[in-house]
């Protein structure tokens, strides 16, 4: 049930962003900036599923990398 609700929220966000709605574009911008900074608290605040952010972060809690790419984190590589 949770997955279905989340899928519909993601679809709605994508649709609103595609239509150029300012609130949806602001959310996308905030998330993009938080990812660039590797700011996990900001990502959690903006995320459609904050619990998923916590779960992903737990795997890499002691690292300064994103949860998707781990040691191959493009953001971290660009900082070097």
PDB file of N, CA and C in Angstrom:
ATOM      1  N   UNK A   1       0.825  -1.188   0.000  1.00  0.00           N
ATOM      2  CA  UNK A   1       0.000   0.000   0.000  1.00  0.00           C
ATOM      3  C   UNK A   1       0.870   1.253   0.000  1.00  0.00           C
ATOM      4  N   UNK A   2       1.892   1.279   0.872  1.00  0.00           N
ATOM      5  CA  UNK A   2       2.780   2.442   0.936  1.00  0.00           C
ATOM      6  C   UNK A   2       3.462   2.687  -0.409  1.00  0.00           C
ATOM      7  N   UNK A   3       3.894   1.623  -1.059  1.00  0.00           N
ATOM      8  CA  UNK A   3       4.581   1.750  -2.347  1.00  0.00           C
ATOM      9  C   UNK A   3       3.654   2.352  -3.401  1.00  0.00           C
ATOM     10  N   UNK A   4       2.402   1.974  -3.379  1.00  0.00           N
ATOM     11  CA  UNK A   4       1.440   2.514  -4.344  1.00  0.00           C
ATOM     12  C   UNK A   4       1.182   3.994  -4.137  1.00  0.00           C
ATOM     13  N   UNK A   5       1.042   4.397  -2.891  1.00  0.00           N
ATOM     14  CA  UNK A   5       0.838   5.814  -2.571  1.00  0.00           C
ATOM     15  C   UNK A   5       2.072   6.608  -2.969  1.00  0.00           C
ATOM     16  N   UNK A   6       3.240   6.083  -2.658  1.00  0.00           N
ATOM     17  CA  UNK A   6       4.480   6.764  -3.011  1.00  0.00           C
ATOM     18  C   UNK A   6       4.617   6.883  -4.526  1.00  0.00           C
ATOM     19  N   UNK A   7       4.287   5.835  -5.250  1.00  0.00           N
ATOM     20  CA  UNK A   7       4.359   5.878  -6.714  1.00  0.00           C
ATOM     21  C   UNK A   7       3.446   6.965  -7.272  1.00  0.00           C
ATOM     22  N   UNK A   8       2.272   7.111  -6.709  1.00  0.00           N
ATOM     23  CA  UNK A   8       1.362   8.148  -7.191  1.00  0.00           C
ATOM     24  C   UNK A   8       1.870   9.544  -6.829  1.00  0.00           C
ATOM     25  N   UNK A   9       2.508   9.686  -5.677  1.00  0.00           N
ATOM     26  CA  UNK A   9       3.091  10.979  -5.300  1.00  0.00           C
ATOM     27  C   UNK A   9       4.248  11.349  -6.227  1.00  0.00           C
ATOM     28  N   UNK A  10       5.061  10.366  -6.577  1.00  0.00           N
ATOM     29  CA  UNK A  10       6.174  10.604  -7.500  1.00  0.00           C
ATOM     30  C   UNK A  10       5.641  11.000  -8.870  1.00  0.00           C
ATOM     31  N   UNK A  11       4.626  10.285  -9.336  1.00  0.00           N
ATOM     32  CA  UNK A  11       4.029  10.606 -10.636  1.00  0.00           C
ATOM     33  C   UNK A  11       3.431  12.013 -10.629  1.00  0.00           C
ATOM     34  N   UNK A  12       2.769  12.376  -9.550  1.00  0.00           N
ATOM     35  CA  UNK A  12       2.185  13.708  -9.455  1.00  0.00           C
ATOM     36  C   UNK A  12       3.273  14.781  -9.460  1.00  0.00           C
ATOM     37  N   UNK A  13       4.351  14.546  -8.714  1.00  0.00           N
ATOM     38  CA  UNK A  13       5.462  15.502  -8.686  1.00  0.00           C
ATOM     39  C   UNK A  13       6.065  15.656 -10.078  1.00  0.00           C
ATOM     40  N   UNK A  14       6.290  14.546 -10.750  1.00  0.00           N
ATOM     41  CA  UNK A  14       6.869  14.592 -12.103  1.00  0.00           C
ATOM     42  C   UNK A  14       5.949  15.336 -13.069  1.00  0.00           C
ATOM     43  N   UNK A  15       4.659  15.074 -12.965  1.00  0.00           N
ATOM     44  CA  UNK A  15       3.693  15.749 -13.827  1.00  0.00           C
ATOM     45  C   UNK A  15       3.638  17.240 -13.578  1.00  0.00           C
ATOM     46  N   UNK A  16       3.609  17.622 -12.311  1.00  0.00           N
ATOM     47  CA  UNK A  16       3.572  19.046 -11.975  1.00  0.00           C
ATOM     48  C   UNK A  16       4.850  19.747 -12.422  1.00  0.00           C
ATOM     49  N   UNK A  17       5.989  19.081 -12.266  1.00  0.00           N
ATOM     50  CA  UNK A  17       7.260  19.667 -12.716  1.00  0.00           C
ATOM     51  C   UNK A  17       7.269  19.805 -14.239  1.00  0.00           C
ATOM     52  N   UNK A  18       6.764  18.788 -14.935  1.00  0.00           N
ATOM     53  CA  UNK A  18       6.713  18.836 -16.396  1.00  0.00           C
ATOM     54  C   UNK A  18       5.815  19.969 -16.889  1.00  0.00           C
ATOM     55  N   UNK A  19       4.783  20.271 -16.122  1.00  0.00           N
ATOM     56  CA  UNK A  19       3.892  21.378 -16.475  1.00  0.00           C
ATOM     57  C   UNK A  19       4.472  22.739 -16.086  1.00  0.00           C
ATOM     58  N   UNK A  20       5.604  22.718 -15.395  1.00  0.00           N
ATOM     59  CA  UNK A  20       6.258  23.974 -15.026  1.00  0.00           C
ATOM     60  C   UNK A  20       5.669  24.659 -13.807  1.00  0.00           C
ATOM     61  N   UNK A  21       4.966  23.911 -12.975  1.00  0.00           N
ATOM     62  CA  UNK A  21       4.379  24.490 -11.767  1.00  0.00           C
ATOM     63  C   UNK A  21       5.495  24.940 -10.826  1.00  0.00           C
ATOM     64  N   UNK A  22       5.397  26.154 -10.347  1.00  0.00           N
ATOM     65  CA  UNK A  22       6.485  26.742  -9.557  1.00  0.00           C
ATOM     66  C   UNK A  22       6.788  25.957  -8.284  1.00  0.00           C
ATOM     67  N   UNK A  23       5.774  25.444  -7.601  1.00  0.00           N
ATOM     68  CA  UNK A  23       6.013  24.696  -6.361  1.00  0.00           C
ATOM     69  C   UNK A  23       6.761  23.389  -6.640  1.00  0.00           C
ATOM     70  N   UNK A  24       6.443  22.744  -7.752  1.00  0.00           N
ATOM     71  CA  UNK A  24       7.112  21.488  -8.108  1.00  0.00           C
ATOM     72  C   UNK A  24       8.552  21.754  -8.556  1.00  0.00           C
ATOM     73  N   UNK A  25       8.747  22.803  -9.315  1.00  0.00           N
ATOM     74  CA  UNK A  25      10.095  23.155  -9.752  1.00  0.00           C
ATOM     75  C   UNK A  25      10.958  23.563  -8.571  1.00  0.00           C
ATOM     76  N   UNK A  26      10.361  24.238  -7.595  1.00  0.00           N
ATOM     77  CA  UNK A  26      11.103  24.627  -6.392  1.00  0.00           C
ATOM     78  C   UNK A  26      11.551  23.388  -5.624  1.00  0.00           C
ATOM     79  N   UNK A  27      10.675  22.396  -5.505  1.00  0.00           N
ATOM     80  CA  UNK A  27      11.044  21.154  -4.818  1.00  0.00           C
ATOM     81  C   UNK A  27      12.183  20.453  -5.557  1.00  0.00           C
ATOM     82  N   UNK A  28      12.106  20.391  -6.879  1.00  0.00           N
ATOM     83  CA  UNK A  28      13.164  19.765  -7.674  1.00  0.00           C
ATOM     84  C   UNK A  28      14.487  20.520  -7.501  1.00  0.00           C
ATOM     85  N   UNK A  29      14.417  21.838  -7.500  1.00  0.00           N
ATOM     86  CA  UNK A  29      15.621  22.658  -7.336  1.00  0.00           C
ATOM     87  C   UNK A  29      16.235  22.444  -5.958  1.00  0.00           C
ATOM     88  N   UNK A  30      15.390  22.445  -4.925  1.00  0.00           N
ATOM     89  CA  UNK A  30      15.874  22.238  -3.555  1.00  0.00           C
ATOM     90  C   UNK A  30      16.559  20.875  -3.415  1.00  0.00           C
ATOM     91  N   UNK A  31      15.956  19.848  -3.989  1.00  0.00           N
ATOM     92  CA  UNK A  31      16.549  18.518  -3.902  1.00  0.00           C
ATOM     93  C   UNK A  31      17.872  18.468  -4.661  1.00  0.00           C
ATOM     94  N   UNK A  32      17.906  19.083  -5.825  1.00  0.00           N
ATOM     95  CA  UNK A  32      19.137  19.106  -6.614  1.00  0.00           C
ATOM     96  C   UNK A  32      20.265  19.799  -5.861  1.00  0.00           C
ATOM     97  N   UNK A  33      19.963  20.924  -5.245  1.00  0.00           N
ATOM     98  CA  UNK A  33      20.976  21.650  -4.495  1.00  0.00           C
ATOM     99  C   UNK A  33      21.427  20.869  -3.262  1.00  0.00           C
ATOM    100  N   UNK A  34      20.494  20.208  -2.600  1.00  0.00           N
ATOM    101  CA  UNK A  34      20.845  19.394  -1.433  1.00  0.00           C
ATOM    102  C   UNK A  34      21.736  18.225  -1.842  1.00  0.00           C
ATOM    103  N   UNK A  35      21.441  17.602  -2.967  1.00  0.00           N
ATOM    104  CA  UNK A  35      22.286  16.501  -3.455  1.00  0.00           C
ATOM    105  C   UNK A  35      23.683  16.996  -3.791  1.00  0.00           C
ATOM    106  N   UNK A  36      23.749  18.159  -4.416  1.00  0.00           N
ATOM    107  CA  UNK A  36      25.058  18.717  -4.777  1.00  0.00           C
ATOM    108  C   UNK A  36      25.914  18.956  -3.541  1.00  0.00           C
ATOM    109  N   UNK A  37      25.280  19.388  -2.457  1.00  0.00           N
ATOM    110  CA  UNK A  37      26.002  19.640  -1.204  1.00  0.00           C
ATOM    111  C   UNK A  37      26.163  18.379  -0.363  1.00  0.00           C
ATOM    112  N   UNK A  38      25.554  17.281  -0.791  1.00  0.00           N
ATOM    113  CA  UNK A  38      25.478  16.047   0.009  1.00  0.00           C
ATOM    114  C   UNK A  38      24.901  16.362   1.389  1.00  0.00           C
ATOM    115  N   UNK A  39      23.886  17.200   1.394  1.00  0.00           N
ATOM    116  CA  UNK A  39      23.211  17.647   2.621  1.00  0.00           C
ATOM    117  C   UNK A  39      22.033  16.713   2.884  1.00  0.00           C
ATOM    118  N   UNK A  40      22.280  15.687   3.684  1.00  0.00           N
ATOM    119  CA  UNK A  40      21.280  14.647   3.915  1.00  0.00           C
ATOM    120  C   UNK A  40      20.060  15.157   4.658  1.00  0.00           C
ATOM    121  N   UNK A  41      20.228  16.093   5.570  1.00  0.00           N
ATOM    122  CA  UNK A  41      19.078  16.627   6.305  1.00  0.00           C
ATOM    123  C   UNK A  41      18.160  17.403   5.371  1.00  0.00           C
ATOM    124  N   UNK A  42      18.728  18.176   4.469  1.00  0.00           N
ATOM    125  CA  UNK A  42      17.920  18.918   3.501  1.00  0.00           C
ATOM    126  C   UNK A  42      17.220  17.962   2.538  1.00  0.00           C
ATOM    127  N   UNK A  43      17.921  16.904   2.113  1.00  0.00           N
ATOM    128  CA  UNK A  43      17.295  15.917   1.226  1.00  0.00           C
ATOM    129  C   UNK A  43      16.112  15.264   1.915  1.00  0.00           C
ATOM    130  N   UNK A  44      16.276  14.949   3.193  1.00  0.00           N
ATOM    131  CA  UNK A  44      15.191  14.324   3.936  1.00  0.00           C
ATOM    132  C   UNK A  44      14.004  15.274   4.053  1.00  0.00           C
ATOM    133  N   UNK A  45      14.270  16.550   4.265  1.00  0.00           N
ATOM    134  CA  UNK A  45      13.195  17.536   4.409  1.00  0.00           C
ATOM    135  C   UNK A  45      12.400  17.710   3.120  1.00  0.00           C
ATOM    136  N   UNK A  46      13.057  17.585   1.977  1.00  0.00           N
ATOM    137  CA  UNK A  46      12.411  17.809   0.684  1.00  0.00           C
ATOM    138  C   UNK A  46      11.831  16.529   0.092  1.00  0.00           C
ATOM    139  N   UNK A  47      12.313  15.388   0.517  1.00  0.00           N
ATOM    140  CA  UNK A  47      11.940  14.105  -0.082  1.00  0.00           C
ATOM    141  C   UNK A  47      10.456  13.788   0.049  1.00  0.00           C
ATOM    142  N   UNK A  48       9.952  13.077  -0.933  1.00  0.00           N
ATOM    143  CA  UNK A  48       8.574  12.595  -0.874  1.00  0.00           C
ATOM    144  C   UNK A  48       8.440  11.454   0.132  1.00  0.00           C
ATOM    145  N   UNK A  49       9.523  10.742   0.376  1.00  0.00           N
ATOM    146  CA  UNK A  49       9.541   9.657   1.360  1.00  0.00           C
ATOM    147  C   UNK A  49      10.773   9.832   2.257  1.00  0.00           C
ATOM    148  N   UNK A  50      10.677  10.683   3.285  1.00  0.00           N
ATOM    149  CA  UNK A  50      11.826  10.947   4.154  1.00  0.00           C
ATOM    150  C   UNK A  50      12.399   9.697   4.817  1.00  0.00           C
ATOM    151  N   UNK A  51      11.577   8.722   5.109  1.00  0.00           N
ATOM    152  CA  UNK A  51      12.065   7.488   5.733  1.00  0.00           C
ATOM    153  C   UNK A  51      13.022   6.749   4.811  1.00  0.00           C
ATOM    154  N   UNK A  52      12.779   6.793   3.514  1.00  0.00           N
ATOM    155  CA  UNK A  52      13.666   6.135   2.561  1.00  0.00           C
ATOM    156  C   UNK A  52      15.032   6.808   2.547  1.00  0.00           C
ATOM    157  N   UNK A  53      15.059   8.124   2.700  1.00  0.00           N
ATOM    158  CA  UNK A  53      16.335   8.843   2.751  1.00  0.00           C
ATOM    159  C   UNK A  53      17.136   8.374   3.961  1.00  0.00           C
ATOM    160  N   UNK A  54      16.464   8.251   5.102  1.00  0.00           N
ATOM    161  CA  UNK A  54      17.147   7.769   6.315  1.00  0.00           C
ATOM    162  C   UNK A  54      17.703   6.364   6.111  1.00  0.00           C
ATOM    163  N   UNK A  55      16.930   5.511   5.504  1.00  0.00           N
ATOM    164  CA  UNK A  55      17.357   4.129   5.285  1.00  0.00           C
ATOM    165  C   UNK A  55      18.554   4.065   4.343  1.00  0.00           C
ATOM    166  N   UNK A  56      18.520   4.842   3.273  1.00  0.00           N
ATOM    167  CA  UNK A  56      19.640   4.862   2.334  1.00  0.00           C
ATOM    168  C   UNK A  56      20.889   5.436   2.991  1.00  0.00           C
ATOM    169  N   UNK A  57      20.713   6.480   3.779  1.00  0.00           N
ATOM    170  CA  UNK A  57      21.846   7.133   4.420  1.00  0.00           C
ATOM    171  C   UNK A  57      22.494   6.217   5.455  1.00  0.00           C
ATOM    172  N   UNK A  58      21.711   5.402   6.115  1.00  0.00           N
ATOM    173  CA  UNK A  58      22.238   4.514   7.157  1.00  0.00           C
ATOM    174  C   UNK A  58      23.337   3.604   6.610  1.00  0.00           C
ATOM    175  N   UNK A  59      23.222   3.207   5.353  1.00  0.00           N
ATOM    176  CA  UNK A  59      24.213   2.335   4.733  1.00  0.00           C
ATOM    177  C   UNK A  59      25.566   3.032   4.560  1.00  0.00           C
ATOM    178  N   UNK A  60      25.547   4.353   4.447  1.00  0.00           N
ATOM    179  CA  UNK A  60      26.761   5.120   4.176  1.00  0.00           C
ATOM    180  C   UNK A  60      26.961   6.229   5.210  1.00  0.00           C
ATOM    181  N   UNK A  61      26.534   5.987   6.428  1.00  0.00           N
ATOM    182  CA  UNK A  61      26.524   7.028   7.464  1.00  0.00           C
ATOM    183  C   UNK A  61      27.900   7.623   7.751  1.00  0.00           C
ATOM    184  N   UNK A  62      28.940   6.844   7.627  1.00  0.00           N
ATOM    185  CA  UNK A  62      30.277   7.335   7.953  1.00  0.00           C
ATOM    186  C   UNK A  62      31.061   7.814   6.740  1.00  0.00           C
ATOM    187  N   UNK A  63      30.396   7.919   5.606  1.00  0.00           N
ATOM    188  CA  UNK A  63      31.075   8.290   4.376  1.00  0.00           C
ATOM    189  C   UNK A  63      30.523   9.601   3.836  1.00  0.00           C
ATOM    190  N   UNK A  64      31.348  10.320   3.114  1.00  0.00           N
ATOM    191  CA  UNK A  64      30.873  11.536   2.459  1.00  0.00           C
ATOM    192  C   UNK A  64      30.621  11.221   0.989  1.00  0.00           C
ATOM    193  N   UNK A  65      29.637  10.383   0.760  1.00  0.00           N
ATOM    194  CA  UNK A  65      29.244   9.985  -0.585  1.00  0.00           C
ATOM    195  C   UNK A  65      27.732   9.887  -0.637  1.00  0.00           C
ATOM    196  N   UNK A  66      27.204   9.812  -1.842  1.00  0.00           N
ATOM    197  CA  UNK A  66      25.767   9.619  -1.942  1.00  0.00           C
ATOM    198  C   UNK A  66      25.438   8.129  -1.816  1.00  0.00           C
ATOM    199  N   UNK A  67      24.216   7.834  -1.499  1.00  0.00           N
ATOM    200  CA  UNK A  67      23.797   6.451  -1.280  1.00  0.00           C
ATOM    201  C   UNK A  67      23.624   5.693  -2.589  1.00  0.00           C
ATOM    202  N   UNK A  68      23.560   6.399  -3.695  1.00  0.00           N
ATOM    203  CA  UNK A  68      23.337   5.721  -4.966  1.00  0.00           C
ATOM    204  C   UNK A  68      24.634   5.209  -5.577  1.00  0.00           C
ATOM    205  N   UNK A  69      25.699   5.984  -5.501  1.00  0.00           N
ATOM    206  CA  UNK A  69      26.926   5.580  -6.181  1.00  0.00           C
ATOM    207  C   UNK A  69      28.046   5.152  -5.257  1.00  0.00           C
ATOM    208  N   UNK A  70      27.918   5.397  -3.965  1.00  0.00           N
ATOM    209  CA  UNK A  70      28.949   4.981  -3.030  1.00  0.00           C
ATOM    210  C   UNK A  70      30.304   5.582  -3.360  1.00  0.00           C
ATOM    211  N   UNK A  71      31.309   4.750  -3.477  1.00  0.00           N
ATOM    212  CA  UNK A  71      32.669   5.244  -3.711  1.00  0.00           C
ATOM    213  C   UNK A  71      32.826   5.910  -5.074  1.00  0.00           C
ATOM    214  N   UNK A  72      31.891   5.700  -5.993  1.00  0.00           N
ATOM    215  CA  UNK A  72      31.963   6.301  -7.322  1.00  0.00           C
ATOM    216  C   UNK A  72      31.104   7.557  -7.420  1.00  0.00           C
ATOM    217  N   UNK A  73      30.882   8.210  -6.303  1.00  0.00           N
ATOM    218  CA  UNK A  73      30.020   9.393  -6.211  1.00  0.00           C
ATOM    219  C   UNK A  73      30.560  10.533  -7.084  1.00  0.00           C
ATOM    220  N   UNK A  74      29.802  10.920  -8.085  1.00  0.00           N
ATOM    221  CA  UNK A  74      30.212  11.988  -9.000  1.00  0.00           C
ATOM    222  C   UNK A  74      30.353  13.318  -8.269  1.00  0.00           C
ATOM    223  N   UNK A  75      29.478  13.584  -7.324  1.00  0.00           N
ATOM    224  CA  UNK A  75      29.554  14.838  -6.568  1.00  0.00           C
ATOM    225  C   UNK A  75      30.881  14.915  -5.828  1.00  0.00           C
ATOM    226  N   UNK A  76      31.251  13.846  -5.169  1.00  0.00           N
ATOM    227  CA  UNK A  76      32.511  13.830  -4.435  1.00  0.00           C
ATOM    228  C   UNK A  76      33.697  13.966  -5.396  1.00  0.00           C
ATOM    229  N   UNK A  77      33.628  13.310  -6.526  1.00  0.00           N
ATOM    230  CA  UNK A  77      34.717  13.392  -7.508  1.00  0.00           C
ATOM    231  C   UNK A  77      34.875  14.818  -8.041  1.00  0.00           C
ATOM    232  N   UNK A  78      33.764  15.518  -8.229  1.00  0.00           N
ATOM    233  CA  UNK A  78      33.834  16.895  -8.715  1.00  0.00           C
ATOM    234  C   UNK A  78      34.420  17.843  -7.680  1.00  0.00           C
ATOM    235  N   UNK A  79      34.296  17.504  -6.421  1.00  0.00           N
ATOM    236  CA  UNK A  79      34.852  18.339  -5.353  1.00  0.00           C
ATOM    237  C   UNK A  79      36.368  18.257  -5.289  1.00  0.00           C
ATOM    238  N   UNK A  80      36.928  17.141  -5.728  1.00  0.00           N
ATOM    239  CA  UNK A  80      38.376  16.919  -5.621  1.00  0.00           C
ATOM    240  C   UNK A  80      39.168  17.784  -6.570  1.00  0.00           C
TER     241      UNK A  80
END
